[in-house]
Amino acid sequence: MTFPTDPRHLGAQHADRDAVLRSLGLTGPEPELDTFATKLAQEADAPYAMVNIFGAEQQFFGLHTPGDKSELPRVERSMPLDHGFCPEVVNRKKALVLPDVFSSPRFAGNTVVDLIGIRTYAGAPLIHGDTVLGTICFVGPVKRPLSTGRGSLALIKQHRDDIMNFLYQRAGIRS
């Protein structure tokens, strides 16, 4: 992953991010963000969806994971920064869609591929001004045809916009 590791850069990023998160009232997991994640999972037909906020590690302030009766692994509310594909989205400040993560050697070796069997990913950054707060994403264990890429991109961007509008409205900030 190319997530920046220079401590001075990270310190400035964390300070900016923390200030914006406080202004938006984001301090931890929230039922409303779980609802956003569940809606995304349903619309994407994916077992997992997250509203992911970055700090010392990835924290899922919104999470949808398969139910107890599923044979798929459960995901907890946090994950190291070197797990998953969202750190790449944060670093790039651009959406990333991988209908089949195995088609890209750069992403095929990521820890989550083996940990929870991820084969497809779509994520978009949550950005306020120049500050990337985190991502919204969905992941699944079944690869998708490459032809689904544009639809997944449109879906993930729409959900990104919906979440940012929700956060702005709740905080009384005009977008």
C-alpha atoms as a PDB file:
ATOM      1  CA  MET A   1       0.000   0.000   0.000  1.00  0.00           C
ATOM      2  CA  THR A   2       1.118   3.543  -0.588  1.00  0.00           C
ATOM      3  CA  PHE A   3      -0.490   5.035   2.507  1.00  0.00           C
ATOM      4  CA  PRO A   4       1.822   7.870   3.652  1.00  0.00           C
ATOM      5  CA  THR A   5       4.043   6.958   6.579  1.00  0.00           C
ATOM      6  CA  ASP A   6       6.056  10.150   7.188  1.00  0.00           C
ATOM      7  CA  PRO A   7       5.170  11.006  10.835  1.00  0.00           C
ATOM      8  CA  ARG A   8       5.070  14.770  10.117  1.00  0.00           C
ATOM      9  CA  HIS A   9       2.668  14.214   7.215  1.00  0.00           C
ATOM     10  CA  LEU A  10       0.521  11.831   9.247  1.00  0.00           C
ATOM     11  CA  GLY A  11       0.424  14.226  12.205  1.00  0.00           C
ATOM     12  CA  ALA A  12      -0.876  17.078  10.061  1.00  0.00           C
ATOM     13  CA  GLN A  13      -3.386  14.774   8.345  1.00  0.00           C
ATOM     14  CA  HIS A  14      -4.646  13.439  11.677  1.00  0.00           C
ATOM     15  CA  ALA A  15      -4.994  16.921  13.171  1.00  0.00           C
ATOM     16  CA  ASP A  16      -6.950  18.211  10.160  1.00  0.00           C
ATOM     17  CA  ARG A  17      -9.073  15.073  10.031  1.00  0.00           C
ATOM     18  CA  ASP A  18      -9.794  15.148  13.762  1.00  0.00           C
ATOM     19  CA  ALA A  19     -10.897  18.794  13.608  1.00  0.00           C
ATOM     20  CA  VAL A  20     -13.279  18.104  10.715  1.00  0.00           C
ATOM     21  CA  LEU A  21     -14.624  14.950  12.375  1.00  0.00           C
ATOM     22  CA  ARG A  22     -15.390  16.936  15.554  1.00  0.00           C
ATOM     23  CA  SER A  23     -17.108  19.685  13.537  1.00  0.00           C
ATOM     24  CA  LEU A  24     -19.275  17.011  11.904  1.00  0.00           C
ATOM     25  CA  GLY A  25     -20.041  15.354  15.235  1.00  0.00           C
ATOM     26  CA  LEU A  26     -18.327  12.089  14.251  1.00  0.00           C
ATOM     27  CA  THR A  27     -16.853  10.467  17.316  1.00  0.00           C
ATOM     28  CA  GLY A  28     -17.541   6.774  16.840  1.00  0.00           C
ATOM     29  CA  PRO A  29     -19.905   4.161  15.423  1.00  0.00           C
ATOM     30  CA  GLU A  30     -23.404   5.475  14.775  1.00  0.00           C
ATOM     31  CA  PRO A  31     -26.682   3.713  13.995  1.00  0.00           C
ATOM     32  CA  GLU A  32     -27.366   6.168  11.143  1.00  0.00           C
ATOM     33  CA  LEU A  33     -24.091   5.253   9.459  1.00  0.00           C
ATOM     34  CA  ASP A  34     -24.804   1.549   9.993  1.00  0.00           C
ATOM     35  CA  THR A  35     -28.055   2.204   8.109  1.00  0.00           C
ATOM     36  CA  PHE A  36     -26.120   3.829   5.237  1.00  0.00           C
ATOM     37  CA  ALA A  37     -23.801   0.799   5.122  1.00  0.00           C
ATOM     38  CA  THR A  38     -26.726  -1.628   5.116  1.00  0.00           C
ATOM     39  CA  LYS A  39     -28.457   0.259   2.291  1.00  0.00           C
ATOM     40  CA  LEU A  40     -25.246   0.214   0.237  1.00  0.00           C
ATOM     41  CA  ALA A  41     -24.743  -3.526   0.855  1.00  0.00           C
ATOM     42  CA  GLN A  42     -28.300  -4.216  -0.291  1.00  0.00           C
ATOM     43  CA  GLU A  43     -28.064  -2.046  -3.424  1.00  0.00           C
ATOM     44  CA  ALA A  44     -24.651  -3.488  -4.333  1.00  0.00           C
ATOM     45  CA  ASP A  45     -25.764  -7.032  -3.525  1.00  0.00           C
ATOM     46  CA  ALA A  46     -22.672  -7.386  -1.337  1.00  0.00           C
ATOM     47  CA  PRO A  47     -22.343  -8.979   2.102  1.00  0.00           C
ATOM     48  CA  TYR A  48     -20.122  -6.208   3.509  1.00  0.00           C
ATOM     49  CA  ALA A  49     -20.271  -2.407   3.411  1.00  0.00           C
ATOM     50  CA  MET A  50     -18.503   0.140   5.562  1.00  0.00           C
ATOM     51  CA  VAL A  51     -18.309   3.830   6.362  1.00  0.00           C
ATOM     52  CA  ASN A  52     -14.641   3.891   7.191  1.00  0.00           C
ATOM     53  CA  ILE A  53     -12.975   6.729   9.156  1.00  0.00           C
ATOM     54  CA  PHE A  54      -9.186   6.886   9.355  1.00  0.00           C
ATOM     55  CA  GLY A  55      -7.086   7.448  12.441  1.00  0.00           C
ATOM     56  CA  ALA A  56      -4.307   5.299  13.860  1.00  0.00           C
ATOM     57  CA  GLU A  57      -6.294   2.465  12.245  1.00  0.00           C
ATOM     58  CA  GLN A  58      -9.392   2.147  10.099  1.00  0.00           C
ATOM     59  CA  GLN A  59     -12.565   2.488  12.169  1.00  0.00           C
ATOM     60  CA  PHE A  60     -15.946   1.489  10.832  1.00  0.00           C
ATOM     61  CA  PHE A  61     -18.397   4.156  12.020  1.00  0.00           C
ATOM     62  CA  GLY A  62     -20.947   2.479   9.767  1.00  0.00           C
ATOM     63  CA  LEU A  63     -20.859  -1.275   9.217  1.00  0.00           C
ATOM     64  CA  HIS A  64     -22.900  -3.947   7.524  1.00  0.00           C
ATOM     65  CA  THR A  65     -21.617  -7.484   7.870  1.00  0.00           C
ATOM     66  CA  PRO A  66     -23.304 -10.835   7.179  1.00  0.00           C
ATOM     67  CA  GLY A  67     -25.696 -12.098   9.837  1.00  0.00           C
ATOM     68  CA  ASP A  68     -24.859 -14.766  12.400  1.00  0.00           C
ATOM     69  CA  LYS A  69     -26.261 -17.532  10.201  1.00  0.00           C
ATOM     70  CA  SER A  70     -23.901 -16.694   7.334  1.00  0.00           C
ATOM     71  CA  GLU A  71     -20.885 -18.836   6.592  1.00  0.00           C
ATOM     72  CA  LEU A  72     -18.922 -15.676   5.753  1.00  0.00           C
ATOM     73  CA  PRO A  73     -16.527 -14.230   8.356  1.00  0.00           C
ATOM     74  CA  ARG A  74     -17.699 -11.364  10.542  1.00  0.00           C
ATOM     75  CA  VAL A  75     -15.834  -8.064  10.424  1.00  0.00           C
ATOM     76  CA  GLU A  76     -15.146  -6.087  13.586  1.00  0.00           C
ATOM     77  CA  ARG A  77     -15.336  -2.285  13.894  1.00  0.00           C
ATOM     78  CA  SER A  78     -11.643  -1.646  13.251  1.00  0.00           C
ATOM     79  CA  MET A  79      -8.868  -2.864  10.979  1.00  0.00           C
ATOM     80  CA  PRO A  80      -5.153  -2.069  10.633  1.00  0.00           C
ATOM     81  CA  LEU A  81      -4.215   0.517   8.006  1.00  0.00           C
ATOM     82  CA  ASP A  82      -2.405  -2.073   5.893  1.00  0.00           C
ATOM     83  CA  HIS A  83      -5.541  -4.223   5.535  1.00  0.00           C
ATOM     84  CA  GLY A  84      -7.995  -3.662   2.746  1.00  0.00           C
ATOM     85  CA  PHE A  85      -8.143  -1.316  -0.191  1.00  0.00           C
ATOM     86  CA  CYS A  86      -9.502   1.823   1.494  1.00  0.00           C
ATOM     87  CA  PRO A  87      -6.026   3.164   2.395  1.00  0.00           C
ATOM     88  CA  GLU A  88      -5.346   3.331  -1.362  1.00  0.00           C
ATOM     89  CA  VAL A  89      -8.580   5.313  -1.876  1.00  0.00           C
ATOM     90  CA  VAL A  90      -7.612   7.728   0.908  1.00  0.00           C
ATOM     91  CA  ASN A  91      -4.123   8.169  -0.528  1.00  0.00           C
ATOM     92  CA  ARG A  92      -5.401   8.711  -4.102  1.00  0.00           C
ATOM     93  CA  LYS A  93      -8.399  10.836  -3.085  1.00  0.00           C
ATOM     94  CA  LYS A  94     -10.270   9.030  -5.863  1.00  0.00           C
ATOM     95  CA  ALA A  95     -12.747   6.190  -6.043  1.00  0.00           C
ATOM     96  CA  LEU A  96     -11.449   2.701  -6.756  1.00  0.00           C
ATOM     97  CA  VAL A  97     -13.454  -0.143  -8.266  1.00  0.00           C
ATOM     98  CA  LEU A  98     -12.013  -3.656  -8.481  1.00  0.00           C
ATOM     99  CA  PRO A  99     -14.598  -6.048  -9.942  1.00  0.00           C
ATOM    100  CA  ASP A 100     -12.000  -8.823  -9.536  1.00  0.00           C
ATOM    101  CA  VAL A 101      -9.122  -8.028  -7.181  1.00  0.00           C
ATOM    102  CA  PHE A 102      -7.206 -11.009  -8.584  1.00  0.00           C
ATOM    103  CA  SER A 103      -6.928  -9.268 -11.958  1.00  0.00           C
ATOM    104  CA  SER A 104      -4.456  -6.830 -10.378  1.00  0.00           C
ATOM    105  CA  PRO A 105      -1.357  -8.334  -8.719  1.00  0.00           C
ATOM    106  CA  ARG A 106      -0.951  -5.122  -6.719  1.00  0.00           C
ATOM    107  CA  PHE A 107      -4.257  -5.753  -4.941  1.00  0.00           C
ATOM    108  CA  ALA A 108      -4.486  -9.556  -5.070  1.00  0.00           C
ATOM    109  CA  GLY A 109      -1.927  -9.936  -2.274  1.00  0.00           C
ATOM    110  CA  ASN A 110      -3.743  -7.714   0.236  1.00  0.00           C
ATOM    111  CA  THR A 111      -4.340  -9.264   3.659  1.00  0.00           C
ATOM    112  CA  VAL A 112      -8.158  -9.075   3.399  1.00  0.00           C
ATOM    113  CA  VAL A 113      -8.139 -11.251   0.302  1.00  0.00           C
ATOM    114  CA  ASP A 114      -7.150 -14.207   2.476  1.00  0.00           C
ATOM    115  CA  LEU A 115      -8.601 -12.974   5.779  1.00  0.00           C
ATOM    116  CA  ILE A 116     -12.223 -12.663   4.663  1.00  0.00           C
ATOM    117  CA  GLY A 117     -12.048 -13.861   1.072  1.00  0.00           C
ATOM    118  CA  ILE A 118     -12.515 -10.560  -0.733  1.00  0.00           C
ATOM    119  CA  ARG A 119     -12.775 -10.793  -4.527  1.00  0.00           C
ATOM    120  CA  THR A 120     -14.555  -7.525  -5.358  1.00  0.00           C
ATOM    121  CA  TYR A 121     -14.206  -4.005  -3.963  1.00  0.00           C
ATOM    122  CA  ALA A 122     -15.646  -0.558  -4.638  1.00  0.00           C
ATOM    123  CA  GLY A 123     -14.843   2.462  -2.504  1.00  0.00           C
ATOM    124  CA  ALA A 124     -14.975   6.249  -2.658  1.00  0.00           C
ATOM    125  CA  PRO A 125     -13.315   8.831  -0.412  1.00  0.00           C
ATOM    126  CA  LEU A 126     -15.285  10.960   2.019  1.00  0.00           C
ATOM    127  CA  ILE A 127     -13.738  14.393   1.501  1.00  0.00           C
ATOM    128  CA  HIS A 128     -14.382  17.707   3.229  1.00  0.00           C
ATOM    129  CA  GLY A 129     -12.425  20.475   1.472  1.00  0.00           C
ATOM    130  CA  ASP A 130      -8.949  19.003   1.076  1.00  0.00           C
ATOM    131  CA  THR A 131      -9.288  16.634   4.022  1.00  0.00           C
ATOM    132  CA  VAL A 132     -10.022  12.968   3.411  1.00  0.00           C
ATOM    133  CA  LEU A 133     -12.020  11.667   6.372  1.00  0.00           C
ATOM    134  CA  GLY A 134     -12.264   8.081   5.220  1.00  0.00           C
ATOM    135  CA  THR A 135     -14.229   6.048   2.712  1.00  0.00           C
ATOM    136  CA  ILE A 136     -17.468   4.339   1.965  1.00  0.00           C
ATOM    137  CA  CYS A 137     -17.055   0.942   0.380  1.00  0.00           C
ATOM    138  CA  PHE A 138     -18.556  -2.431  -0.317  1.00  0.00           C
ATOM    139  CA  VAL A 139     -16.730  -5.720  -0.651  1.00  0.00           C
ATOM    140  CA  GLY A 140     -17.684  -9.250  -1.515  1.00  0.00           C
ATOM    141  CA  PRO A 141     -16.295 -12.764  -1.897  1.00  0.00           C
ATOM    142  CA  VAL A 142     -17.390 -13.257  -5.522  1.00  0.00           C
ATOM    143  CA  LYS A 143     -15.678 -11.596  -8.474  1.00  0.00           C
ATOM    144  CA  ARG A 144     -17.870  -9.537 -10.760  1.00  0.00           C
ATOM    145  CA  PRO A 145     -17.673  -9.096 -14.521  1.00  0.00           C
ATOM    146  CA  LEU A 146     -15.556  -6.119 -15.600  1.00  0.00           C
ATOM    147  CA  SER A 147     -18.696  -4.704 -17.209  1.00  0.00           C
ATOM    148  CA  THR A 148     -20.071  -3.965 -13.700  1.00  0.00           C
ATOM    149  CA  GLY A 149     -17.318  -1.417 -13.005  1.00  0.00           C
ATOM    150  CA  ARG A 150     -19.129   1.717 -14.192  1.00  0.00           C
ATOM    151  CA  GLY A 151     -22.315   0.812 -12.346  1.00  0.00           C
ATOM    152  CA  SER A 152     -20.370   0.121  -9.151  1.00  0.00           C
ATOM    153  CA  LEU A 153     -18.544   3.430  -9.515  1.00  0.00           C
ATOM    154  CA  ALA A 154     -21.803   5.355  -9.939  1.00  0.00           C
ATOM    155  CA  LEU A 155     -23.344   3.547  -6.954  1.00  0.00           C
ATOM    156  CA  ILE A 156     -20.413   4.165  -4.631  1.00  0.00           C
ATOM    157  CA  LYS A 157     -20.194   7.844  -5.609  1.00  0.00           C
ATOM    158  CA  GLN A 158     -23.923   8.321  -5.006  1.00  0.00           C
ATOM    159  CA  HIS A 159     -23.628   6.808  -1.536  1.00  0.00           C
ATOM    160  CA  ARG A 160     -20.562   8.961  -0.829  1.00  0.00           C
ATOM    161  CA  ASP A 161     -22.582  12.059  -1.718  1.00  0.00           C
ATOM    162  CA  ASP A 162     -25.540  10.888   0.389  1.00  0.00           C
ATOM    163  CA  ILE A 163     -23.331  10.390   3.457  1.00  0.00           C
ATOM    164  CA  MET A 164     -21.575  13.739   3.101  1.00  0.00           C
ATOM    165  CA  ASN A 165     -24.943  15.507   2.641  1.00  0.00           C
ATOM    166  CA  PHE A 166     -26.277  13.746   5.746  1.00  0.00           C
ATOM    167  CA  LEU A 167     -23.214  14.771   7.791  1.00  0.00           C
ATOM    168  CA  TYR A 168     -23.385  18.382   6.584  1.00  0.00           C
ATOM    169  CA  GLN A 169     -27.125  18.674   7.262  1.00  0.00           C
ATOM    170  CA  ARG A 170     -26.766  17.170  10.711  1.00  0.00           C
ATOM    171  CA  ALA A 171     -23.921  19.569  11.575  1.00  0.00           C
ATOM    172  CA  GLY A 172     -25.700  22.574  10.037  1.00  0.00           C
ATOM    173  CA  ILE A 173     -22.979  23.048   7.413  1.00  0.00           C
ATOM    174  CA  ARG A 174     -23.806  24.095   3.880  1.00  0.00           C
ATOM    175  CA  SER A 175     -22.198  21.845   1.296  1.00  0.00           C
END
